Amino acid sequence: MKKYDEKWFWSIIGLVQRDRTGLRSILSNFTRNEIEAFQDHFVEFSAELQYQPYTDHTEKSEDGIEDIAHWVVSGGREYYEEVLNKPDKIPWTVEGMNDGNLYGVADEVYYEKFQEDMDIY
């Protein structure tokens, strides 16, 4: 499998500017490996924010913490790195802000293209 780097991932996130439809359009032209690589990066970056000290500044529900982490990654590299370096910058909640959350788009496109679920969550 070809190795896709972080710069590649962040350039896609930056290009779509939290637009789920835009991301869907880009990913629909990708190969199986490219979609999997994109999702893998998204999950890895999100996971970094789902533990202390970040969760000291967020709501306490597991789903809420995941949504917040996904929201931060969806905001692009600069925003992500700001939160990564300053945990108190993470939002307490993102309830009602799902339109700007890009998580799940890769799963949807993958299923539409290949008629199977992706195993990267």
N, C-alpha and C. Protein backbone atom coordinates (compact mmCIF):
# COMPACT_ATOMS: atom_id res chain seq x y z
N MET A 1 0.84 -1.19 0.00
CA MET A 1 0.00 0.00 0.00
C MET A 1 0.88 1.25 0.00
N LYS A 2 0.55 2.19 -0.83
CA LYS A 2 1.29 3.44 -0.90
C LYS A 2 1.10 4.21 0.41
N LYS A 3 2.17 4.85 0.85
CA LYS A 3 2.12 5.62 2.10
C LYS A 3 1.68 7.04 1.79
N TYR A 4 0.59 7.48 2.39
CA TYR A 4 0.11 8.84 2.23
C TYR A 4 0.50 9.61 3.47
N ASP A 5 1.10 10.76 3.27
CA ASP A 5 1.64 11.48 4.41
C ASP A 5 0.62 12.45 5.02
N GLU A 6 1.03 13.02 6.13
CA GLU A 6 0.17 13.94 6.86
C GLU A 6 -0.13 15.19 6.04
N LYS A 7 0.85 15.65 5.28
CA LYS A 7 0.65 16.85 4.46
C LYS A 7 -0.49 16.62 3.46
N TRP A 8 -0.50 15.44 2.86
CA TRP A 8 -1.57 15.06 1.94
C TRP A 8 -2.93 15.14 2.64
N PHE A 9 -3.02 14.54 3.82
CA PHE A 9 -4.26 14.53 4.58
C PHE A 9 -4.72 15.96 4.89
N TRP A 10 -3.81 16.74 5.48
CA TRP A 10 -4.19 18.10 5.89
C TRP A 10 -4.52 18.98 4.70
N SER A 11 -3.92 18.74 3.54
CA SER A 11 -4.25 19.55 2.36
C SER A 11 -5.70 19.30 1.94
N ILE A 12 -6.16 18.09 2.06
CA ILE A 12 -7.56 17.78 1.74
C ILE A 12 -8.49 18.44 2.73
N ILE A 13 -8.19 18.32 4.01
CA ILE A 13 -9.02 18.94 5.05
C ILE A 13 -9.07 20.46 4.82
N GLY A 14 -7.92 21.06 4.54
CA GLY A 14 -7.87 22.50 4.31
C GLY A 14 -8.63 22.93 3.07
N LEU A 15 -8.58 22.12 2.05
CA LEU A 15 -9.26 22.43 0.80
C LEU A 15 -10.77 22.47 0.97
N VAL A 16 -11.33 21.55 1.73
CA VAL A 16 -12.79 21.46 1.82
C VAL A 16 -13.41 22.39 2.87
N GLN A 17 -12.60 22.92 3.79
CA GLN A 17 -13.09 23.91 4.76
C GLN A 17 -14.39 23.48 5.46
N ARG A 18 -14.38 22.29 6.05
CA ARG A 18 -15.52 21.74 6.80
C ARG A 18 -16.75 21.41 5.93
N ASP A 19 -16.59 21.39 4.63
CA ASP A 19 -17.71 21.12 3.73
C ASP A 19 -17.79 19.62 3.44
N ARG A 20 -18.80 18.96 4.01
CA ARG A 20 -18.96 17.52 3.84
C ARG A 20 -19.19 17.14 2.37
N THR A 21 -19.93 17.96 1.66
CA THR A 21 -20.20 17.68 0.24
C THR A 21 -18.92 17.79 -0.57
N GLY A 22 -18.10 18.78 -0.27
CA GLY A 22 -16.83 18.94 -0.96
C GLY A 22 -15.91 17.76 -0.70
N LEU A 23 -15.88 17.30 0.55
CA LEU A 23 -15.04 16.15 0.89
C LEU A 23 -15.55 14.90 0.18
N ARG A 24 -16.85 14.73 0.16
CA ARG A 24 -17.45 13.59 -0.53
C ARG A 24 -17.04 13.58 -2.01
N SER A 25 -17.05 14.74 -2.62
CA SER A 25 -16.69 14.86 -4.04
C SER A 25 -15.23 14.45 -4.26
N ILE A 26 -14.33 14.89 -3.41
CA ILE A 26 -12.91 14.54 -3.54
C ILE A 26 -12.71 13.05 -3.31
N LEU A 27 -13.26 12.53 -2.21
CA LEU A 27 -13.05 11.13 -1.87
C LEU A 27 -13.67 10.18 -2.88
N SER A 28 -14.72 10.60 -3.54
CA SER A 28 -15.37 9.70 -4.51
C SER A 28 -14.48 9.40 -5.70
N ASN A 29 -13.44 10.20 -5.90
CA ASN A 29 -12.48 9.94 -6.98
C ASN A 29 -11.27 9.14 -6.52
N PHE A 30 -11.22 8.81 -5.24
CA PHE A 30 -10.07 8.11 -4.68
C PHE A 30 -10.20 6.59 -4.82
N THR A 31 -9.06 5.94 -4.75
CA THR A 31 -9.02 4.48 -4.74
C THR A 31 -9.37 3.98 -3.33
N ARG A 32 -9.55 2.70 -3.22
CA ARG A 32 -9.79 2.07 -1.93
C ARG A 32 -8.68 2.43 -0.94
N ASN A 33 -7.42 2.27 -1.36
CA ASN A 33 -6.29 2.56 -0.47
C ASN A 33 -6.23 4.02 -0.06
N GLU A 34 -6.57 4.91 -0.97
CA GLU A 34 -6.55 6.34 -0.64
C GLU A 34 -7.63 6.70 0.39
N ILE A 35 -8.81 6.16 0.22
CA ILE A 35 -9.88 6.43 1.19
C ILE A 35 -9.51 5.85 2.55
N GLU A 36 -8.96 4.64 2.56
CA GLU A 36 -8.54 4.03 3.82
C GLU A 36 -7.44 4.84 4.48
N ALA A 37 -6.50 5.35 3.70
CA ALA A 37 -5.41 6.16 4.26
C ALA A 37 -5.96 7.46 4.83
N PHE A 38 -6.89 8.08 4.14
CA PHE A 38 -7.50 9.31 4.64
C PHE A 38 -8.19 9.04 5.98
N GLN A 39 -8.98 7.99 6.03
CA GLN A 39 -9.70 7.64 7.26
C GLN A 39 -8.74 7.30 8.40
N ASP A 40 -7.68 6.59 8.07
CA ASP A 40 -6.69 6.22 9.07
C ASP A 40 -6.06 7.47 9.70
N HIS A 41 -5.70 8.44 8.88
CA HIS A 41 -5.16 9.70 9.41
C HIS A 41 -6.20 10.40 10.28
N PHE A 42 -7.43 10.46 9.80
CA PHE A 42 -8.48 11.16 10.55
C PHE A 42 -8.64 10.53 11.94
N VAL A 43 -8.70 9.22 11.98
CA VAL A 43 -8.88 8.51 13.26
C VAL A 43 -7.66 8.71 14.17
N GLU A 44 -6.47 8.62 13.61
CA GLU A 44 -5.27 8.80 14.43
C GLU A 44 -5.18 10.19 15.04
N PHE A 45 -5.42 11.21 14.24
CA PHE A 45 -5.36 12.57 14.76
C PHE A 45 -6.45 12.80 15.81
N SER A 46 -7.63 12.29 15.56
CA SER A 46 -8.74 12.44 16.52
C SER A 46 -8.42 11.76 17.84
N ALA A 47 -7.81 10.60 17.77
CA ALA A 47 -7.52 9.83 18.99
C ALA A 47 -6.61 10.61 19.94
N GLU A 48 -5.71 11.41 19.39
CA GLU A 48 -4.80 12.19 20.22
C GLU A 48 -5.53 13.10 21.19
N LEU A 49 -6.74 13.52 20.84
CA LEU A 49 -7.47 14.52 21.62
C LEU A 49 -8.51 13.91 22.56
N GLN A 50 -8.55 12.59 22.64
CA GLN A 50 -9.60 11.94 23.42
C GLN A 50 -9.15 11.49 24.80
N TYR A 51 -8.06 12.06 25.27
CA TYR A 51 -7.51 11.71 26.58
C TYR A 51 -7.08 13.00 27.29
N GLN A 52 -6.70 12.83 28.55
CA GLN A 52 -6.17 13.98 29.28
C GLN A 52 -4.89 14.45 28.60
N PRO A 53 -4.60 15.70 28.61
CA PRO A 53 -5.26 16.80 29.32
C PRO A 53 -6.45 17.40 28.57
N TYR A 54 -6.73 16.93 27.35
CA TYR A 54 -7.80 17.53 26.54
C TYR A 54 -9.16 17.33 27.17
N THR A 55 -9.41 16.13 27.69
CA THR A 55 -10.72 15.84 28.26
C THR A 55 -10.97 16.57 29.58
N ASP A 56 -9.94 17.19 30.14
CA ASP A 56 -10.14 18.03 31.32
C ASP A 56 -10.95 19.27 30.96
N HIS A 57 -11.03 19.57 29.66
CA HIS A 57 -11.67 20.80 29.20
C HIS A 57 -12.90 20.53 28.34
N THR A 58 -13.41 19.29 28.36
CA THR A 58 -14.55 18.94 27.52
C THR A 58 -15.67 18.32 28.36
N GLU A 59 -16.83 18.21 27.73
CA GLU A 59 -17.90 17.45 28.35
C GLU A 59 -17.41 16.03 28.60
N LYS A 60 -18.10 15.29 29.43
CA LYS A 60 -17.56 13.99 29.87
C LYS A 60 -18.10 12.77 29.13
N SER A 61 -19.12 12.92 28.29
CA SER A 61 -19.64 11.73 27.60
C SER A 61 -18.66 11.26 26.54
N GLU A 62 -18.55 9.95 26.40
CA GLU A 62 -17.62 9.36 25.43
C GLU A 62 -17.94 9.81 24.00
N ASP A 63 -19.23 9.79 23.65
CA ASP A 63 -19.63 10.23 22.31
C ASP A 63 -19.31 11.71 22.11
N GLY A 64 -19.55 12.51 23.13
CA GLY A 64 -19.27 13.94 23.05
C GLY A 64 -17.79 14.20 22.85
N ILE A 65 -16.95 13.48 23.56
CA ILE A 65 -15.50 13.63 23.43
C ILE A 65 -15.05 13.25 22.02
N GLU A 66 -15.59 12.17 21.48
CA GLU A 66 -15.26 11.77 20.11
C GLU A 66 -15.69 12.85 19.12
N ASP A 67 -16.91 13.37 19.29
CA ASP A 67 -17.40 14.42 18.39
C ASP A 67 -16.52 15.66 18.44
N ILE A 68 -16.10 16.03 19.64
CA ILE A 68 -15.22 17.20 19.79
C ILE A 68 -13.90 16.96 19.07
N ALA A 69 -13.31 15.79 19.26
CA ALA A 69 -12.04 15.47 18.60
C ALA A 69 -12.20 15.50 17.08
N HIS A 70 -13.28 14.94 16.57
CA HIS A 70 -13.53 14.95 15.13
C HIS A 70 -13.72 16.38 14.62
N TRP A 71 -14.40 17.19 15.41
CA TRP A 71 -14.64 18.60 15.05
C TRP A 71 -13.31 19.35 14.93
N VAL A 72 -12.43 19.11 15.88
CA VAL A 72 -11.14 19.80 15.87
C VAL A 72 -10.33 19.39 14.63
N VAL A 73 -10.26 18.11 14.34
CA VAL A 73 -9.54 17.64 13.15
C VAL A 73 -10.17 18.24 11.89
N SER A 74 -11.47 18.31 11.86
CA SER A 74 -12.19 18.86 10.70
C SER A 74 -11.87 20.33 10.47
N GLY A 75 -11.38 21.01 11.49
CA GLY A 75 -11.06 22.42 11.39
C GLY A 75 -9.72 22.72 10.73
N GLY A 76 -8.96 21.69 10.42
CA GLY A 76 -7.70 21.89 9.72
C GLY A 76 -6.48 21.83 10.61
N ARG A 77 -5.35 21.77 9.96
CA ARG A 77 -4.08 21.55 10.66
C ARG A 77 -3.76 22.66 11.66
N GLU A 78 -3.92 23.90 11.28
CA GLU A 78 -3.57 25.01 12.17
C GLU A 78 -4.40 24.96 13.46
N TYR A 79 -5.70 24.77 13.29
CA TYR A 79 -6.59 24.69 14.45
C TYR A 79 -6.24 23.47 15.31
N TYR A 80 -6.02 22.34 14.66
CA TYR A 80 -5.67 21.11 15.36
C TYR A 80 -4.40 21.31 16.19
N GLU A 81 -3.37 21.88 15.58
CA GLU A 81 -2.10 22.07 16.29
C GLU A 81 -2.22 23.08 17.42
N GLU A 82 -3.08 24.09 17.24
CA GLU A 82 -3.32 25.04 18.33
C GLU A 82 -3.92 24.32 19.54
N VAL A 83 -4.92 23.48 19.30
CA VAL A 83 -5.55 22.73 20.38
C VAL A 83 -4.57 21.72 20.96
N LEU A 84 -3.82 21.05 20.11
CA LEU A 84 -2.84 20.06 20.56
C LEU A 84 -1.83 20.70 21.52
N ASN A 85 -1.40 21.91 21.21
CA ASN A 85 -0.40 22.60 22.04
C ASN A 85 -1.00 23.36 23.21
N LYS A 86 -2.29 23.65 23.15
CA LYS A 86 -2.96 24.39 24.23
C LYS A 86 -4.30 23.70 24.52
N PRO A 87 -4.28 22.66 25.34
CA PRO A 87 -5.48 21.86 25.59
C PRO A 87 -6.70 22.66 26.03
N ASP A 88 -6.49 23.80 26.67
CA ASP A 88 -7.63 24.60 27.11
C ASP A 88 -8.36 25.28 25.94
N LYS A 89 -7.81 25.18 24.72
CA LYS A 89 -8.46 25.74 23.53
C LYS A 89 -9.49 24.79 22.93
N ILE A 90 -9.55 23.56 23.42
CA ILE A 90 -10.51 22.59 22.88
C ILE A 90 -11.93 23.02 23.29
N PRO A 91 -12.90 22.88 22.40
CA PRO A 91 -14.28 23.26 22.76
C PRO A 91 -14.83 22.34 23.86
N TRP A 92 -15.65 22.89 24.72
CA TRP A 92 -16.31 22.11 25.77
C TRP A 92 -17.28 21.11 25.13
N THR A 93 -18.00 21.57 24.10
CA THR A 93 -18.95 20.72 23.39
C THR A 93 -19.05 21.21 21.95
N VAL A 94 -19.51 20.36 21.07
CA VAL A 94 -19.80 20.75 19.69
C VAL A 94 -21.24 20.36 19.33
N GLU A 95 -22.05 20.20 20.35
CA GLU A 95 -23.44 19.84 20.14
C GLU A 95 -24.10 20.85 19.21
N GLY A 96 -24.80 20.34 18.21
CA GLY A 96 -25.48 21.19 17.24
C GLY A 96 -24.57 21.73 16.14
N MET A 97 -23.32 21.31 16.12
CA MET A 97 -22.36 21.82 15.13
C MET A 97 -21.91 20.72 14.18
N ASN A 98 -22.72 19.69 13.97
CA ASN A 98 -22.31 18.53 13.17
C ASN A 98 -22.13 18.83 11.69
N ASP A 99 -22.67 19.93 11.19
CA ASP A 99 -22.50 20.25 9.78
C ASP A 99 -21.03 20.43 9.42
N GLY A 100 -20.23 20.89 10.37
CA GLY A 100 -18.82 21.11 10.10
C GLY A 100 -17.92 19.96 10.50
N ASN A 101 -18.52 18.83 10.87
CA ASN A 101 -17.76 17.66 11.28
C ASN A 101 -17.62 16.72 10.08
N LEU A 102 -16.39 16.52 9.65
CA LEU A 102 -16.14 15.72 8.44
C LEU A 102 -16.06 14.22 8.71
N TYR A 103 -16.08 13.84 9.98
CA TYR A 103 -15.99 12.41 10.29
C TYR A 103 -17.20 11.68 9.72
N GLY A 104 -16.95 10.52 9.15
CA GLY A 104 -18.03 9.69 8.61
C GLY A 104 -18.16 9.77 7.10
N VAL A 105 -17.67 10.86 6.51
CA VAL A 105 -17.79 11.02 5.06
C VAL A 105 -17.00 9.92 4.34
N ALA A 106 -15.80 9.63 4.80
CA ALA A 106 -14.99 8.59 4.16
C ALA A 106 -15.69 7.24 4.23
N ASP A 107 -16.31 6.94 5.38
CA ASP A 107 -17.06 5.68 5.51
C ASP A 107 -18.19 5.61 4.50
N GLU A 108 -18.92 6.71 4.36
CA GLU A 108 -20.07 6.74 3.44
C GLU A 108 -19.61 6.52 2.00
N VAL A 109 -18.57 7.24 1.60
CA VAL A 109 -18.06 7.12 0.23
C VAL A 109 -17.53 5.71 -0.03
N TYR A 110 -16.81 5.17 0.93
CA TYR A 110 -16.25 3.83 0.81
C TYR A 110 -17.37 2.81 0.59
N TYR A 111 -18.42 2.92 1.38
CA TYR A 111 -19.53 1.98 1.25
C TYR A 111 -20.21 2.12 -0.12
N GLU A 112 -20.42 3.36 -0.54
CA GLU A 112 -21.06 3.60 -1.84
C GLU A 112 -20.23 3.03 -2.99
N LYS A 113 -18.92 3.18 -2.91
CA LYS A 113 -18.05 2.72 -4.00
C LYS A 113 -17.83 1.21 -3.99
N PHE A 114 -17.68 0.62 -2.80
CA PHE A 114 -17.24 -0.77 -2.73
C PHE A 114 -18.27 -1.72 -2.11
N GLN A 115 -19.41 -1.17 -1.70
CA GLN A 115 -20.50 -1.97 -1.12
C GLN A 115 -20.04 -2.81 0.07
N GLU A 116 -19.13 -2.24 0.86
CA GLU A 116 -18.69 -2.89 2.09
C GLU A 116 -18.25 -1.82 3.07
N ASP A 117 -18.27 -2.19 4.35
CA ASP A 117 -17.86 -1.26 5.39
C ASP A 117 -16.33 -1.23 5.48
N MET A 118 -15.83 -0.07 5.84
CA MET A 118 -14.40 0.07 6.07
C MET A 118 -14.15 -0.32 7.53
N ASP A 119 -13.03 -0.94 7.79
CA ASP A 119 -12.72 -1.40 9.14
C ASP A 119 -11.85 -0.44 9.95
N ILE A 120 -11.89 0.84 9.58
CA ILE A 120 -11.07 1.84 10.28
C ILE A 120 -11.99 2.81 11.00
N TYR A 121 -12.04 2.68 12.31
CA TYR A 121 -12.89 3.56 13.11
C TYR A 121 -12.10 4.14 14.21
